[in-house]
Amino acid sequence: MKHIIIATAVLINICLADVLILPEYQTTTTPPPKPYSFQYEAGRYPGHIDRVHQEVGDEDGTVYGTYSFVDPKYKVRTVQYTADKNGFHPALINFDDTFTQPADSEAVRLAKEKHMRLYQKIAEANARNVPANLPRDSASVARAKNRHNELYHKIAEQHAAIAAQREAERLAYEATSVANDIDNHRTC
């Protein structure tokens, strides 16, 4: 038993000791980057590729790459990039159509025209101070509005009662409290 305790103590001391690195194995610089290359294709389901990535790194640490993906409009977008000691430099290759506005369909065009006619009608009525034809509340909307107003006033009354109670408590506290005036008790 005594030998087991001694052996355990020796092993613990060895494990807890500082690691000594011999001078011939010490380095002060990081090793140079190694050239590499990779690429992959992926998709959301088998047989469908919706993103591609290719990258090459050279022995100087500069990285050149390209990735492509399918955007929500089902357009393939490609980004070419370089990463070097000065930072990351991306370039979007096929983006010409991203800034163009979509053309209105016939239904959208007609809806816009109807909207503008109604807008003009309301603007003219407002200019002559004539009330526009506003929609009337249905019976259920009127009941909901009345219920809302009742609850609003009930809550407002409760808040006012709480505020009055707190103010009365504050005034009672001030009336029964002794002022703590430190300046009157100074001794020089």
C-alpha atoms as a PDB file:
ATOM      1  CA  MET A   1       0.000   0.000   0.000  1.00  0.00           C
ATOM      2  CA  LYS A   2       2.872   2.333   0.854  1.00  0.00           C
ATOM      3  CA  HIS A   3       4.407   1.735  -2.608  1.00  0.00           C
ATOM      4  CA  ILE A   4       1.121   2.602  -4.333  1.00  0.00           C
ATOM      5  CA  ILE A   5       0.875   5.921  -2.474  1.00  0.00           C
ATOM      6  CA  ILE A   6       4.482   6.797  -3.344  1.00  0.00           C
ATOM      7  CA  ALA A   7       3.953   5.847  -7.007  1.00  0.00           C
ATOM      8  CA  THR A   8       0.778   7.934  -7.145  1.00  0.00           C
ATOM      9  CA  ALA A   9       2.528  10.938  -5.597  1.00  0.00           C
ATOM     10  CA  VAL A  10       5.385  10.643  -8.109  1.00  0.00           C
ATOM     11  CA  LEU A  11       2.947  10.461 -11.054  1.00  0.00           C
ATOM     12  CA  ILE A  12       0.984  13.470  -9.791  1.00  0.00           C
ATOM     13  CA  ASN A  13       4.195  15.509  -9.424  1.00  0.00           C
ATOM     14  CA  ILE A  14       5.243  14.581 -12.953  1.00  0.00           C
ATOM     15  CA  CYS A  15       1.810  15.545 -14.349  1.00  0.00           C
ATOM     16  CA  LEU A  16       1.719  18.860 -12.485  1.00  0.00           C
ATOM     17  CA  ALA A  17       5.314  19.850 -13.297  1.00  0.00           C
ATOM     18  CA  ASP A  18       6.060  22.587 -15.835  1.00  0.00           C
ATOM     19  CA  VAL A  19       6.874  21.366 -19.296  1.00  0.00           C
ATOM     20  CA  LEU A  20      10.470  22.080 -20.295  1.00  0.00           C
ATOM     21  CA  ILE A  21      11.039  22.828 -23.983  1.00  0.00           C
ATOM     22  CA  LEU A  22      14.596  22.334 -25.106  1.00  0.00           C
ATOM     23  CA  PRO A  23      16.165  25.318 -26.926  1.00  0.00           C
ATOM     24  CA  GLU A  24      16.654  23.396 -30.166  1.00  0.00           C
ATOM     25  CA  TYR A  25      12.880  22.895 -30.387  1.00  0.00           C
ATOM     26  CA  GLN A  26      11.836  26.451 -29.549  1.00  0.00           C
ATOM     27  CA  THR A  27      10.610  28.637 -32.431  1.00  0.00           C
ATOM     28  CA  THR A  28       9.892  32.334 -32.479  1.00  0.00           C
ATOM     29  CA  THR A  29       8.205  32.542 -35.895  1.00  0.00           C
ATOM     30  CA  THR A  30       5.125  30.831 -37.203  1.00  0.00           C
ATOM     31  CA  PRO A  31       5.644  28.397 -40.046  1.00  0.00           C
ATOM     32  CA  PRO A  32       4.867  29.739 -43.506  1.00  0.00           C
ATOM     33  CA  PRO A  33       1.398  29.002 -44.865  1.00  0.00           C
ATOM     34  CA  LYS A  34       1.068  25.898 -46.977  1.00  0.00           C
ATOM     35  CA  PRO A  35      -0.696  26.072 -50.331  1.00  0.00           C
ATOM     36  CA  TYR A  36      -4.114  24.469 -50.354  1.00  0.00           C
ATOM     37  CA  SER A  37      -7.175  24.144 -52.531  1.00  0.00           C
ATOM     38  CA  PHE A  38     -10.730  23.023 -51.881  1.00  0.00           C
ATOM     39  CA  GLN A  39     -14.144  23.133 -53.464  1.00  0.00           C
ATOM     40  CA  TYR A  40     -17.612  21.851 -52.740  1.00  0.00           C
ATOM     41  CA  GLU A  41     -21.149  21.867 -54.069  1.00  0.00           C
ATOM     42  CA  ALA A  42     -24.228  21.569 -51.886  1.00  0.00           C
ATOM     43  CA  GLY A  43     -27.982  21.562 -52.169  1.00  0.00           C
ATOM     44  CA  ARG A  44     -31.056  21.399 -50.019  1.00  0.00           C
ATOM     45  CA  TYR A  45     -32.109  18.047 -51.411  1.00  0.00           C
ATOM     46  CA  PRO A  46     -30.437  15.264 -53.462  1.00  0.00           C
ATOM     47  CA  GLY A  47     -29.712  16.125 -57.065  1.00  0.00           C
ATOM     48  CA  HIS A  48     -30.183  19.874 -56.532  1.00  0.00           C
ATOM     49  CA  ILE A  49     -27.137  22.131 -56.259  1.00  0.00           C
ATOM     50  CA  ASP A  50     -27.805  25.661 -55.020  1.00  0.00           C
ATOM     51  CA  ARG A  51     -24.385  26.722 -53.711  1.00  0.00           C
ATOM     52  CA  VAL A  52     -20.797  26.223 -54.812  1.00  0.00           C
ATOM     53  CA  HIS A  53     -17.550  27.299 -53.141  1.00  0.00           C
ATOM     54  CA  GLN A  54     -13.961  27.137 -54.429  1.00  0.00           C
ATOM     55  CA  GLU A  55     -10.882  28.463 -52.651  1.00  0.00           C
ATOM     56  CA  VAL A  56      -7.097  28.408 -53.164  1.00  0.00           C
ATOM     57  CA  GLY A  57      -4.442  29.581 -50.708  1.00  0.00           C
ATOM     58  CA  ASP A  58      -0.866  30.189 -51.791  1.00  0.00           C
ATOM     59  CA  GLU A  59       2.432  29.915 -49.936  1.00  0.00           C
ATOM     60  CA  ASP A  60       2.360  33.666 -49.144  1.00  0.00           C
ATOM     61  CA  GLY A  61      -0.919  33.368 -47.218  1.00  0.00           C
ATOM     62  CA  THR A  62      -3.075  35.023 -49.872  1.00  0.00           C
ATOM     63  CA  VAL A  63      -6.441  33.369 -50.427  1.00  0.00           C
ATOM     64  CA  TYR A  64      -8.405  33.527 -53.704  1.00  0.00           C
ATOM     65  CA  GLY A  65     -11.934  32.233 -53.851  1.00  0.00           C
ATOM     66  CA  THR A  66     -15.330  32.209 -55.489  1.00  0.00           C
ATOM     67  CA  TYR A  67     -18.712  31.237 -54.141  1.00  0.00           C
ATOM     68  CA  SER A  68     -22.091  31.165 -55.809  1.00  0.00           C
ATOM     69  CA  PHE A  69     -25.582  30.769 -54.445  1.00  0.00           C
ATOM     70  CA  VAL A  70     -29.178  30.971 -55.608  1.00  0.00           C
ATOM     71  CA  ASP A  71     -30.907  34.068 -54.186  1.00  0.00           C
ATOM     72  CA  PRO A  72     -34.612  34.271 -53.214  1.00  0.00           C
ATOM     73  CA  LYS A  73     -35.452  35.431 -56.757  1.00  0.00           C
ATOM     74  CA  TYR A  74     -33.839  32.233 -58.124  1.00  0.00           C
ATOM     75  CA  LYS A  75     -30.923  34.144 -59.615  1.00  0.00           C
ATOM     76  CA  VAL A  76     -27.403  32.753 -59.331  1.00  0.00           C
ATOM     77  CA  ARG A  77     -25.177  35.248 -57.513  1.00  0.00           C
ATOM     78  CA  THR A  78     -21.405  34.912 -57.630  1.00  0.00           C
ATOM     79  CA  VAL A  79     -18.847  36.550 -55.363  1.00  0.00           C
ATOM     80  CA  GLN A  80     -15.129  36.495 -56.122  1.00  0.00           C
ATOM     81  CA  TYR A  81     -12.826  37.408 -53.278  1.00  0.00           C
ATOM     82  CA  THR A  82      -9.231  37.806 -52.266  1.00  0.00           C
ATOM     83  CA  ALA A  83      -8.031  37.743 -48.668  1.00  0.00           C
ATOM     84  CA  ASP A  84      -4.498  38.984 -48.048  1.00  0.00           C
ATOM     85  CA  LYS A  85      -2.516  40.845 -45.415  1.00  0.00           C
ATOM     86  CA  ASN A  86      -4.542  44.005 -46.238  1.00  0.00           C
ATOM     87  CA  GLY A  87      -7.947  42.412 -45.564  1.00  0.00           C
ATOM     88  CA  PHE A  88     -10.871  40.760 -47.327  1.00  0.00           C
ATOM     89  CA  HIS A  89     -11.755  42.076 -50.810  1.00  0.00           C
ATOM     90  CA  PRO A  90     -15.057  40.750 -52.241  1.00  0.00           C
ATOM     91  CA  ALA A  91     -16.479  41.547 -55.675  1.00  0.00           C
ATOM     92  CA  LEU A  92     -20.072  40.733 -56.649  1.00  0.00           C
ATOM     93  CA  ILE A  93     -19.941  39.558 -60.255  1.00  0.00           C
ATOM     94  CA  ASN A  94     -23.533  39.284 -61.546  1.00  0.00           C
ATOM     95  CA  PHE A  95     -25.555  41.960 -59.792  1.00  0.00           C
ATOM     96  CA  ASP A  96     -26.862  44.137 -62.657  1.00  0.00           C
ATOM     97  CA  ASP A  97     -30.493  43.123 -62.115  1.00  0.00           C
ATOM     98  CA  THR A  98     -30.465  43.652 -58.330  1.00  0.00           C
ATOM     99  CA  PHE A  99     -31.080  47.393 -58.657  1.00  0.00           C
ATOM    100  CA  THR A 100     -33.808  47.269 -61.305  1.00  0.00           C
ATOM    101  CA  GLN A 101     -37.386  47.665 -60.150  1.00  0.00           C
ATOM    102  CA  PRO A 102     -39.813  44.934 -61.145  1.00  0.00           C
ATOM    103  CA  ALA A 103     -42.335  45.781 -63.858  1.00  0.00           C
ATOM    104  CA  ASP A 104     -45.937  46.076 -62.666  1.00  0.00           C
ATOM    105  CA  SER A 105     -48.371  43.411 -63.768  1.00  0.00           C
ATOM    106  CA  GLU A 106     -51.699  44.488 -65.280  1.00  0.00           C
ATOM    107  CA  ALA A 107     -53.491  43.876 -61.959  1.00  0.00           C
ATOM    108  CA  VAL A 108     -50.957  46.012 -60.060  1.00  0.00           C
ATOM    109  CA  ARG A 109     -51.180  48.796 -62.642  1.00  0.00           C
ATOM    110  CA  LEU A 110     -55.005  48.876 -62.361  1.00  0.00           C
ATOM    111  CA  ALA A 111     -54.870  48.824 -58.543  1.00  0.00           C
ATOM    112  CA  LYS A 112     -52.423  51.760 -58.551  1.00  0.00           C
ATOM    113  CA  GLU A 113     -54.714  53.752 -60.865  1.00  0.00           C
ATOM    114  CA  LYS A 114     -57.741  53.055 -58.621  1.00  0.00           C
ATOM    115  CA  HIS A 115     -55.733  54.067 -55.559  1.00  0.00           C
ATOM    116  CA  MET A 116     -54.688  57.360 -57.172  1.00  0.00           C
ATOM    117  CA  ARG A 117     -58.307  58.165 -58.173  1.00  0.00           C
ATOM    118  CA  LEU A 118     -59.511  57.575 -54.609  1.00  0.00           C
ATOM    119  CA  TYR A 119     -56.588  59.551 -53.214  1.00  0.00           C
ATOM    120  CA  GLN A 120     -57.421  62.528 -55.447  1.00  0.00           C
ATOM    121  CA  LYS A 121     -61.100  62.336 -54.443  1.00  0.00           C
ATOM    122  CA  ILE A 122     -60.222  62.428 -50.735  1.00  0.00           C
ATOM    123  CA  ALA A 123     -57.663  65.226 -51.248  1.00  0.00           C
ATOM    124  CA  GLU A 124     -60.276  67.368 -53.053  1.00  0.00           C
ATOM    125  CA  ALA A 125     -62.849  66.724 -50.301  1.00  0.00           C
ATOM    126  CA  ASN A 126     -60.323  67.735 -47.643  1.00  0.00           C
ATOM    127  CA  ALA A 127     -59.407  70.891 -49.593  1.00  0.00           C
ATOM    128  CA  ARG A 128     -63.086  71.967 -49.587  1.00  0.00           C
ATOM    129  CA  ASN A 129     -63.474  70.911 -45.932  1.00  0.00           C
ATOM    130  CA  VAL A 130     -66.083  68.338 -46.886  1.00  0.00           C
ATOM    131  CA  PRO A 131     -65.960  65.142 -44.812  1.00  0.00           C
ATOM    132  CA  ALA A 132     -65.079  62.109 -46.877  1.00  0.00           C
ATOM    133  CA  ASN A 133     -67.295  59.055 -46.921  1.00  0.00           C
ATOM    134  CA  LEU A 134     -65.785  57.187 -43.999  1.00  0.00           C
ATOM    135  CA  PRO A 135     -66.807  53.605 -43.332  1.00  0.00           C
ATOM    136  CA  ARG A 136     -69.258  53.078 -40.476  1.00  0.00           C
ATOM    137  CA  ASP A 137     -68.588  50.748 -37.577  1.00  0.00           C
ATOM    138  CA  SER A 138     -70.420  47.453 -37.550  1.00  0.00           C
ATOM    139  CA  ALA A 139     -72.448  46.529 -34.456  1.00  0.00           C
ATOM    140  CA  SER A 140     -69.679  44.244 -33.142  1.00  0.00           C
ATOM    141  CA  VAL A 141     -67.021  46.956 -33.654  1.00  0.00           C
ATOM    142  CA  ALA A 142     -69.220  49.511 -31.849  1.00  0.00           C
ATOM    143  CA  ARG A 143     -69.689  47.090 -28.914  1.00  0.00           C
ATOM    144  CA  ALA A 144     -65.934  46.438 -28.765  1.00  0.00           C
ATOM    145  CA  LYS A 145     -65.182  50.177 -28.781  1.00  0.00           C
ATOM    146  CA  ASN A 146     -67.703  50.791 -25.975  1.00  0.00           C
ATOM    147  CA  ARG A 147     -66.259  47.935 -23.895  1.00  0.00           C
ATOM    148  CA  HIS A 148     -62.751  49.321 -24.451  1.00  0.00           C
ATOM    149  CA  ASN A 149     -63.815  52.811 -23.314  1.00  0.00           C
ATOM    150  CA  GLU A 150     -65.505  51.396 -20.197  1.00  0.00           C
ATOM    151  CA  LEU A 151     -62.385  49.441 -19.242  1.00  0.00           C
ATOM    152  CA  TYR A 152     -60.171  52.434 -19.976  1.00  0.00           C
ATOM    153  CA  HIS A 153     -62.154  54.698 -17.648  1.00  0.00           C
ATOM    154  CA  LYS A 154     -62.315  52.013 -14.929  1.00  0.00           C
ATOM    155  CA  ILE A 155     -58.524  51.577 -15.045  1.00  0.00           C
ATOM    156  CA  ALA A 156     -58.000  55.363 -15.064  1.00  0.00           C
ATOM    157  CA  GLU A 157     -60.158  55.661 -11.912  1.00  0.00           C
ATOM    158  CA  GLN A 158     -58.157  52.886 -10.218  1.00  0.00           C
ATOM    159  CA  HIS A 159     -54.881  54.608 -11.086  1.00  0.00           C
ATOM    160  CA  ALA A 160     -56.167  57.923  -9.714  1.00  0.00           C
ATOM    161  CA  ALA A 161     -57.226  56.205  -6.452  1.00  0.00           C
ATOM    162  CA  ILE A 162     -53.804  54.570  -6.089  1.00  0.00           C
ATOM    163  CA  ALA A 163     -52.067  57.908  -6.749  1.00  0.00           C
ATOM    164  CA  ALA A 164     -54.238  59.654  -4.152  1.00  0.00           C
ATOM    165  CA  GLN A 165     -53.533  56.901  -1.603  1.00  0.00           C
ATOM    166  CA  ARG A 166     -49.779  57.148  -2.165  1.00  0.00           C
ATOM    167  CA  GLU A 167     -49.876  60.934  -1.892  1.00  0.00           C
ATOM    168  CA  ALA A 168     -51.779  60.657   1.422  1.00  0.00           C
ATOM    169  CA  GLU A 169     -49.204  58.134   2.703  1.00  0.00           C
ATOM    170  CA  ARG A 170     -46.374  60.458   1.669  1.00  0.00           C
ATOM    171  CA  LEU A 171     -47.957  63.449   3.424  1.00  0.00           C
ATOM    172  CA  ALA A 172     -48.584  61.398   6.593  1.00  0.00           C
ATOM    173  CA  TYR A 173     -44.984  60.209   6.593  1.00  0.00           C
ATOM    174  CA  GLU A 174     -43.670  63.756   6.175  1.00  0.00           C
ATOM    175  CA  ALA A 175     -45.957  65.027   8.964  1.00  0.00           C
ATOM    176  CA  THR A 176     -44.737  62.419  11.452  1.00  0.00           C
ATOM    177  CA  SER A 177     -41.063  62.358  10.489  1.00  0.00           C
ATOM    178  CA  VAL A 178     -38.362  64.322  12.228  1.00  0.00           C
ATOM    179  CA  ALA A 179     -36.110  66.295   9.952  1.00  0.00           C
ATOM    180  CA  ASN A 180     -32.530  65.090   9.974  1.00  0.00           C
ATOM    181  CA  ASP A 181     -30.697  68.379   9.860  1.00  0.00           C
ATOM    182  CA  ILE A 182     -27.001  67.644  10.201  1.00  0.00           C
ATOM    183  CA  ASP A 183     -25.942  71.298   9.987  1.00  0.00           C
ATOM    184  CA  ASN A 184     -27.563  72.209  13.395  1.00  0.00           C
ATOM    185  CA  HIS A 185     -25.428  69.657  15.256  1.00  0.00           C
ATOM    186  CA  ARG A 186     -22.000  70.678  13.967  1.00  0.00           C
ATOM    187  CA  THR A 187     -19.255  71.251  16.434  1.00  0.00           C
ATOM    188  CA  CYS A 188     -16.136  73.111  15.538  1.00  0.00           C
END
